[in-house]
Amino acid sequence: MRNKKGFEFSFGWLFALIIGAAILFLAIYGVVRLISTERGVQSAEIAKQLGVILIPAETGFGEGKTIPSIEFATETRIYNNCSTKGSFGEQLISVATSSSIGKKWTNPGEMISYQNKYLFSKGIIEGEKINVFSKPFYYPYKVGELLFLWSEKEEFCLITPPSEIENEIKDLGLKNINSTQEITNCKEKSKKICFYSFIPQCDVFVNLNEMSIKWKNGKISFYEGSLIYGAIFSDYEIYECQVQRLMKRTSELAYVYLGKSNILASRAGGCSQGLQTYLSEYAKNCVNVTNSHALRQNKFAKEDLEKMNNELEVCKLW
């Protein structure tokens, strides 16, 4: 006969093991959820801090400025989101961090909104180190500082770039950017940017004569001045959105200079009065643009304003 006490003893242990396993599972689940919540809070804080860290790159008075690489404690994703809603549009930044506990990547944290930042990059930048440099954008007056971001993992290969770009990249010490005369010299996984001539293997073709950008998806954008660097570091969607935002800001600044012209005209015997009609029309043309083609459409008006302002001897508006 079986030992009834032995059977009861075994069942008691089995029951205890089941209950213990359930408690352990709930405890682990709770810890993982807690960690996930903390990581979400941490991601939002990093996004806010990132906005502060980028400020030194925006405060230069030269033609180009770089800051030390931004280093994170763990592998991090920066989500570059852009919106054209509102008077100036929005630069939206969110962050996700990696971990060996739970899911490798958290969902992106809270999106932090900025109206005065213009980030050109891929939609998602991933790595422990992020490189940054800035260039001012004039159209014809200074509109804002353009920020270009890329990770330590990204490689860029410029095929026959113009000498001024090649020299500036060297002078600024920008990392992971190489120049060559032959596309066959580029690393296989590098982003290939071609100048002067189109090659099927190019990810981006910059037509310096037409001041246009042909993207891998076949779509065409236009550039002016420092926006040429957007062709190197940015995606099509981000680029087009940021250009629309810059045009909105260009329009608002035109009204600011129009106000300044009105004051000067009343105090300095009509000085700068000739610009007022041009500034008013310029502001109207720039405010409702829907794509970068506006850079070409407003190019002559921009050049006329620049010339007229430069001809003013004692009362330049900018």
Protein backbone atom coordinates (compact mmCIF):
# COMPACT_ATOMS: atom_id res chain seq x y z
CA MET A 1 0.00 0.00 0.00
CA ARG A 2 1.10 3.62 -0.71
CA ASN A 3 2.11 5.79 2.21
CA LYS A 4 -0.73 8.28 2.61
CA LYS A 5 1.46 10.72 4.60
CA GLY A 6 4.09 10.59 1.89
CA PHE A 7 1.49 11.44 -0.72
CA GLU A 8 0.21 14.37 1.37
CA PHE A 9 3.79 15.57 1.92
CA SER A 10 4.55 15.53 -1.80
CA PHE A 11 1.34 17.35 -2.65
CA GLY A 12 2.12 20.03 -0.06
CA TRP A 13 5.52 20.64 -1.56
CA LEU A 14 4.08 20.75 -5.07
CA PHE A 15 1.49 23.28 -3.97
CA ALA A 16 4.16 25.39 -2.27
CA LEU A 17 6.32 25.31 -5.39
CA ILE A 18 3.41 26.46 -7.58
CA ILE A 19 2.53 29.30 -5.20
CA GLY A 20 6.20 30.25 -4.88
CA ALA A 21 6.65 30.31 -8.64
CA ALA A 22 3.57 32.48 -9.02
CA ILE A 23 4.81 34.93 -6.39
CA LEU A 24 8.25 35.02 -8.01
CA PHE A 25 6.71 35.64 -11.42
CA LEU A 26 4.59 38.50 -10.08
CA ALA A 27 7.59 39.98 -8.31
CA ILE A 28 9.74 39.85 -11.45
CA TYR A 29 6.87 41.23 -13.54
CA GLY A 30 6.43 44.10 -11.08
CA VAL A 31 10.14 44.90 -11.11
CA VAL A 32 10.27 44.87 -14.92
CA ARG A 33 7.21 47.16 -15.09
CA LEU A 34 8.77 49.49 -12.54
CA ILE A 35 12.03 49.57 -14.46
CA SER A 36 10.15 50.23 -17.71
CA THR A 37 8.32 53.14 -16.08
CA GLU A 38 11.58 54.54 -14.73
CA ARG A 39 13.19 54.19 -18.15
CA GLY A 40 10.29 56.10 -19.68
CA VAL A 41 10.79 58.94 -17.21
CA GLN A 42 14.53 58.83 -17.84
CA SER A 43 14.00 59.02 -21.61
CA ALA A 44 11.86 62.14 -21.24
CA GLU A 45 14.54 63.75 -19.06
CA ILE A 46 17.25 62.94 -21.60
CA ALA A 47 15.16 64.57 -24.35
CA LYS A 48 14.87 67.74 -22.25
CA GLN A 49 18.59 67.72 -21.43
CA LEU A 50 19.43 67.22 -25.09
CA GLY A 51 17.77 70.52 -25.92
CA VAL A 52 20.03 72.24 -23.38
CA ILE A 53 23.17 70.42 -24.56
CA LEU A 54 22.56 71.62 -28.12
CA ILE A 55 22.46 75.31 -27.13
CA PRO A 56 26.26 75.88 -27.41
CA ALA A 57 26.12 74.73 -31.04
CA GLU A 58 23.50 77.42 -31.73
CA THR A 59 25.32 80.39 -30.22
CA GLY A 60 28.25 80.75 -32.61
CA PHE A 61 28.86 83.82 -34.74
CA GLY A 62 31.00 82.09 -37.35
CA GLU A 63 29.99 80.20 -40.45
CA GLY A 64 30.21 76.78 -38.82
CA LYS A 65 30.56 75.40 -35.31
CA THR A 66 30.98 71.98 -33.78
CA ILE A 67 30.67 70.82 -30.17
CA PRO A 68 32.13 67.71 -28.47
CA SER A 69 30.25 64.49 -29.22
CA ILE A 70 27.24 63.90 -26.98
CA GLU A 71 27.82 60.70 -24.99
CA PHE A 72 25.08 58.63 -23.36
CA ALA A 73 25.42 56.08 -20.55
CA THR A 74 23.85 53.40 -22.73
CA GLU A 75 22.87 52.96 -26.36
CA THR A 76 20.20 55.54 -27.11
CA ARG A 77 17.78 56.38 -29.87
CA ILE A 78 16.90 59.98 -30.67
CA TYR A 79 13.69 60.45 -32.64
CA ASN A 80 13.74 63.55 -34.84
CA ASN A 81 10.14 64.60 -35.50
CA CYS A 82 9.13 67.76 -37.32
CA SER A 83 5.78 69.50 -37.59
CA THR A 84 4.73 72.51 -39.69
CA LYS A 85 1.71 73.35 -37.51
CA GLY A 86 1.54 76.79 -35.94
CA SER A 87 3.35 80.05 -36.69
CA PHE A 88 6.83 78.53 -36.62
CA GLY A 89 6.17 74.80 -36.74
CA GLU A 90 7.73 72.55 -34.12
CA GLN A 91 10.92 70.61 -33.62
CA LEU A 92 9.89 67.50 -31.67
CA ILE A 93 12.50 65.36 -29.92
CA SER A 94 11.89 62.09 -28.11
CA VAL A 95 14.32 59.50 -26.77
CA ALA A 96 14.39 55.76 -26.09
CA THR A 97 17.10 53.96 -24.13
CA SER A 98 18.31 50.36 -24.36
CA SER A 99 18.57 47.90 -21.46
CA SER A 100 19.48 44.27 -20.78
CA ILE A 101 16.36 43.94 -18.58
CA GLY A 102 12.97 43.57 -20.24
CA LYS A 103 12.58 44.86 -23.78
CA LYS A 104 15.84 46.08 -25.30
CA TRP A 105 14.23 49.37 -26.30
CA THR A 106 11.63 51.37 -24.45
CA ASN A 107 8.90 53.09 -26.36
CA PRO A 108 9.92 56.68 -27.18
CA GLY A 109 9.42 58.93 -24.19
CA GLU A 110 7.52 62.20 -24.07
CA MET A 111 8.07 64.39 -27.14
CA ILE A 112 9.72 67.68 -26.22
CA SER A 113 8.72 70.59 -28.44
CA TYR A 114 10.95 73.47 -29.58
CA GLN A 115 10.02 76.30 -31.93
CA ASN A 116 13.53 77.67 -32.46
CA LYS A 117 15.50 74.50 -33.25
CA TYR A 118 16.04 72.98 -36.69
CA LEU A 119 17.53 69.46 -36.56
CA PHE A 120 18.64 67.77 -39.78
CA SER A 121 19.26 64.04 -39.45
CA LYS A 122 17.72 60.65 -40.06
CA GLY A 123 14.35 60.10 -38.45
CA ILE A 124 16.00 57.85 -35.83
CA ILE A 125 19.60 58.34 -34.68
CA GLU A 126 20.98 55.39 -32.72
CA GLY A 127 24.22 55.05 -30.77
CA GLU A 128 26.13 55.87 -27.60
CA LYS A 129 27.76 58.93 -29.20
CA ILE A 130 26.09 61.60 -31.29
CA ASN A 131 28.03 64.10 -33.40
CA VAL A 132 26.74 67.65 -33.86
CA PHE A 133 27.65 70.73 -35.82
CA SER A 134 25.75 73.86 -36.82
CA LYS A 135 25.59 76.32 -39.69
CA PRO A 136 23.68 79.61 -39.84
CA PHE A 137 21.03 80.00 -42.53
CA TYR A 138 20.60 83.37 -44.25
CA TYR A 139 17.69 84.22 -46.54
CA PRO A 140 18.86 87.02 -46.96
CA TYR A 141 19.04 87.95 -43.26
CA LYS A 142 19.88 85.36 -40.62
CA VAL A 143 16.87 83.10 -40.11
CA GLY A 144 18.28 80.53 -37.67
CA GLU A 145 20.94 78.00 -36.82
CA LEU A 146 20.74 74.64 -38.56
CA LEU A 147 21.81 71.66 -36.43
CA PHE A 148 23.15 68.53 -38.12
CA LEU A 149 23.22 65.28 -36.08
CA TRP A 150 24.56 61.81 -36.81
CA SER A 151 25.71 58.86 -34.70
CA GLU A 152 29.06 57.16 -34.38
CA LYS A 153 27.57 54.27 -36.38
CA GLU A 154 26.85 56.36 -39.48
CA GLU A 155 29.36 56.75 -42.31
CA PHE A 156 29.17 59.28 -45.14
CA CYS A 157 31.00 59.21 -48.42
CA LEU A 158 31.12 62.37 -50.57
CA ILE A 159 31.92 61.76 -54.23
CA THR A 160 33.67 64.77 -55.87
CA PRO A 161 32.39 67.36 -53.38
CA PRO A 162 33.09 71.07 -54.04
CA SER A 163 36.32 72.22 -52.44
CA GLU A 164 34.61 74.62 -50.01
CA ILE A 165 32.57 71.80 -48.48
CA GLU A 166 35.52 69.41 -48.37
CA ASN A 167 37.69 72.06 -46.69
CA GLU A 168 35.03 73.04 -44.17
CA ILE A 169 34.50 69.42 -43.15
CA LYS A 170 38.24 69.09 -42.56
CA ASP A 171 38.50 72.41 -40.70
CA LEU A 172 35.62 71.49 -38.38
CA GLY A 173 37.01 67.98 -37.85
CA LEU A 174 33.68 66.31 -38.63
CA LYS A 175 33.81 62.57 -37.96
CA ASN A 176 32.87 59.65 -40.21
CA ILE A 177 32.80 61.80 -43.36
CA ASN A 178 35.13 60.88 -46.21
CA SER A 179 35.68 62.36 -49.66
CA THR A 180 36.70 60.53 -52.81
CA GLN A 181 36.75 60.87 -56.59
CA GLU A 182 35.39 57.37 -57.19
CA ILE A 183 32.29 55.82 -55.65
CA THR A 184 34.04 52.44 -55.63
CA ASN A 185 36.24 53.79 -52.81
CA CYS A 186 33.23 54.27 -50.51
CA LYS A 187 32.50 51.82 -47.72
CA GLU A 188 29.64 49.50 -48.59
CA LYS A 189 27.22 50.67 -45.87
CA SER A 190 28.10 54.35 -46.04
CA LYS A 191 25.61 56.95 -47.24
CA LYS A 192 26.85 58.03 -50.65
CA ILE A 193 26.36 61.66 -51.68
CA CYS A 194 27.28 62.49 -55.27
CA PHE A 195 28.05 65.96 -56.62
CA TYR A 196 28.27 67.10 -60.24
CA SER A 197 27.30 63.75 -61.78
CA PHE A 198 24.60 61.19 -60.99
CA ILE A 199 25.53 57.54 -60.41
CA PRO A 200 22.87 54.86 -59.78
CA GLN A 201 24.60 53.77 -56.56
CA CYS A 202 24.24 57.27 -55.08
CA ASP A 203 21.89 57.68 -52.13
CA VAL A 204 21.69 61.41 -52.83
CA PHE A 205 22.64 63.50 -55.86
CA VAL A 206 23.36 67.21 -55.33
CA ASN A 207 23.08 69.23 -58.54
CA LEU A 208 25.24 72.27 -57.84
CA ASN A 209 24.16 74.08 -61.00
CA GLU A 210 20.43 73.84 -60.31
CA MET A 211 20.88 73.90 -56.50
CA SER A 212 18.70 70.83 -56.24
CA ILE A 213 18.78 67.52 -54.36
CA LYS A 214 17.65 64.23 -55.83
CA TRP A 215 16.89 61.71 -53.08
CA LYS A 216 17.03 57.92 -53.23
CA ASN A 217 13.23 57.83 -53.51
CA GLY A 218 13.45 59.89 -56.71
CA LYS A 219 11.95 63.04 -55.19
CA ILE A 220 13.52 66.45 -55.79
CA SER A 221 14.24 69.16 -53.23
CA PHE A 222 15.95 72.51 -53.53
CA TYR A 223 18.53 74.11 -51.28
CA GLU A 224 20.06 77.49 -50.55
CA GLY A 225 23.27 78.23 -48.66
CA SER A 226 23.96 75.99 -45.69
CA LEU A 227 20.92 73.83 -46.45
CA ILE A 228 23.21 71.88 -48.78
CA TYR A 229 24.39 70.00 -45.66
CA GLY A 230 20.82 68.79 -45.17
CA ALA A 231 21.37 66.65 -48.28
CA ILE A 232 24.21 64.89 -46.48
CA PHE A 233 22.74 64.29 -43.04
CA SER A 234 18.96 64.43 -43.43
CA ASP A 235 16.09 62.34 -44.76
CA TYR A 236 13.76 63.76 -47.39
CA GLU A 237 10.78 64.12 -45.03
CA ILE A 238 12.79 65.84 -42.31
CA TYR A 239 14.48 68.13 -44.83
CA GLU A 240 11.24 69.29 -46.44
CA CYS A 241 9.55 69.88 -43.09
CA GLN A 242 12.45 71.94 -41.74
CA VAL A 243 12.59 74.07 -44.90
CA GLN A 244 8.88 74.88 -44.51
CA ARG A 245 9.51 75.86 -40.89
CA LEU A 246 12.43 78.07 -41.91
CA MET A 247 10.25 79.81 -44.49
CA LYS A 248 7.63 80.51 -41.82
CA ARG A 249 10.33 82.10 -39.69
CA THR A 250 11.65 84.02 -42.70
CA SER A 251 8.17 85.49 -43.15
CA GLU A 252 7.86 86.54 -39.49
CA LEU A 253 11.30 88.14 -39.56
CA ALA A 254 10.36 90.06 -42.72
CA TYR A 255 7.53 91.67 -40.72
CA VAL A 256 9.99 92.48 -37.92
CA TYR A 257 12.31 94.22 -40.40
CA LEU A 258 9.32 95.97 -41.94
CA GLY A 259 8.52 97.41 -38.52
CA LYS A 260 12.13 98.47 -38.11
CA SER A 261 12.03 100.11 -41.56
CA ASN A 262 8.91 102.06 -40.60
CA ILE A 263 10.68 103.45 -37.53
CA LEU A 264 13.81 104.36 -39.50
CA ALA A 265 11.77 105.97 -42.26
CA SER A 266 10.08 108.29 -39.77
CA ARG A 267 13.29 109.20 -37.93
CA ALA A 268 15.92 109.25 -40.65
CA GLY A 269 14.29 111.09 -43.51
CA GLY A 270 12.82 108.07 -45.27
CA CYS A 271 15.88 105.82 -44.90
CA SER A 272 15.10 102.20 -45.96
CA GLN A 273 11.61 103.26 -47.07
CA GLY A 274 12.19 101.67 -50.47
CA LEU A 275 12.37 98.21 -48.87
CA GLN A 276 8.96 98.30 -47.24
CA THR A 277 6.88 97.14 -50.19
CA TYR A 278 9.41 94.41 -50.96
CA LEU A 279 9.47 93.20 -47.35
CA SER A 280 5.68 93.07 -47.14
CA GLU A 281 5.39 91.05 -50.34
CA TYR A 282 8.31 88.83 -49.32
CA ALA A 283 6.63 88.00 -46.02
CA LYS A 284 3.41 87.00 -47.79
CA ASN A 285 5.24 84.76 -50.26
CA CYS A 286 7.22 82.91 -47.60
CA VAL A 287 4.53 82.18 -45.04
CA ASN A 288 2.44 79.51 -46.78
CA VAL A 289 5.05 77.46 -48.64
CA THR A 290 4.41 73.74 -48.98
CA ASN A 291 7.81 72.49 -50.16
CA SER A 292 11.41 73.50 -50.77
CA HIS A 293 10.57 74.69 -54.29
CA ALA A 294 9.79 78.01 -52.57
CA LEU A 295 13.55 78.54 -52.21
CA ARG A 296 13.77 78.76 -55.99
CA GLN A 297 10.57 80.80 -56.38
CA ASN A 298 11.73 83.43 -53.86
CA LYS A 299 15.39 83.44 -54.87
CA PHE A 300 15.25 86.64 -56.94
CA ALA A 301 13.20 88.48 -54.33
CA LYS A 302 15.72 87.42 -51.70
CA GLU A 303 18.61 88.68 -53.85
CA ASP A 304 16.85 92.00 -54.50
CA LEU A 305 16.30 92.54 -50.77
CA GLU A 306 19.93 91.71 -50.04
CA LYS A 307 21.18 94.14 -52.67
CA MET A 308 18.87 96.95 -51.54
CA ASN A 309 19.87 96.53 -47.90
CA ASN A 310 23.58 96.50 -48.76
CA GLU A 311 23.19 99.74 -50.67
CA LEU A 312 21.92 101.52 -47.56
CA GLU A 313 24.95 103.30 -46.09
CA VAL A 314 23.92 104.24 -42.56
CA CYS A 315 20.61 102.49 -41.88
CA LYS A 316 20.93 98.85 -42.91
CA LEU A 317 18.12 96.73 -41.55
CA TRP A 318 20.31 93.67 -40.95
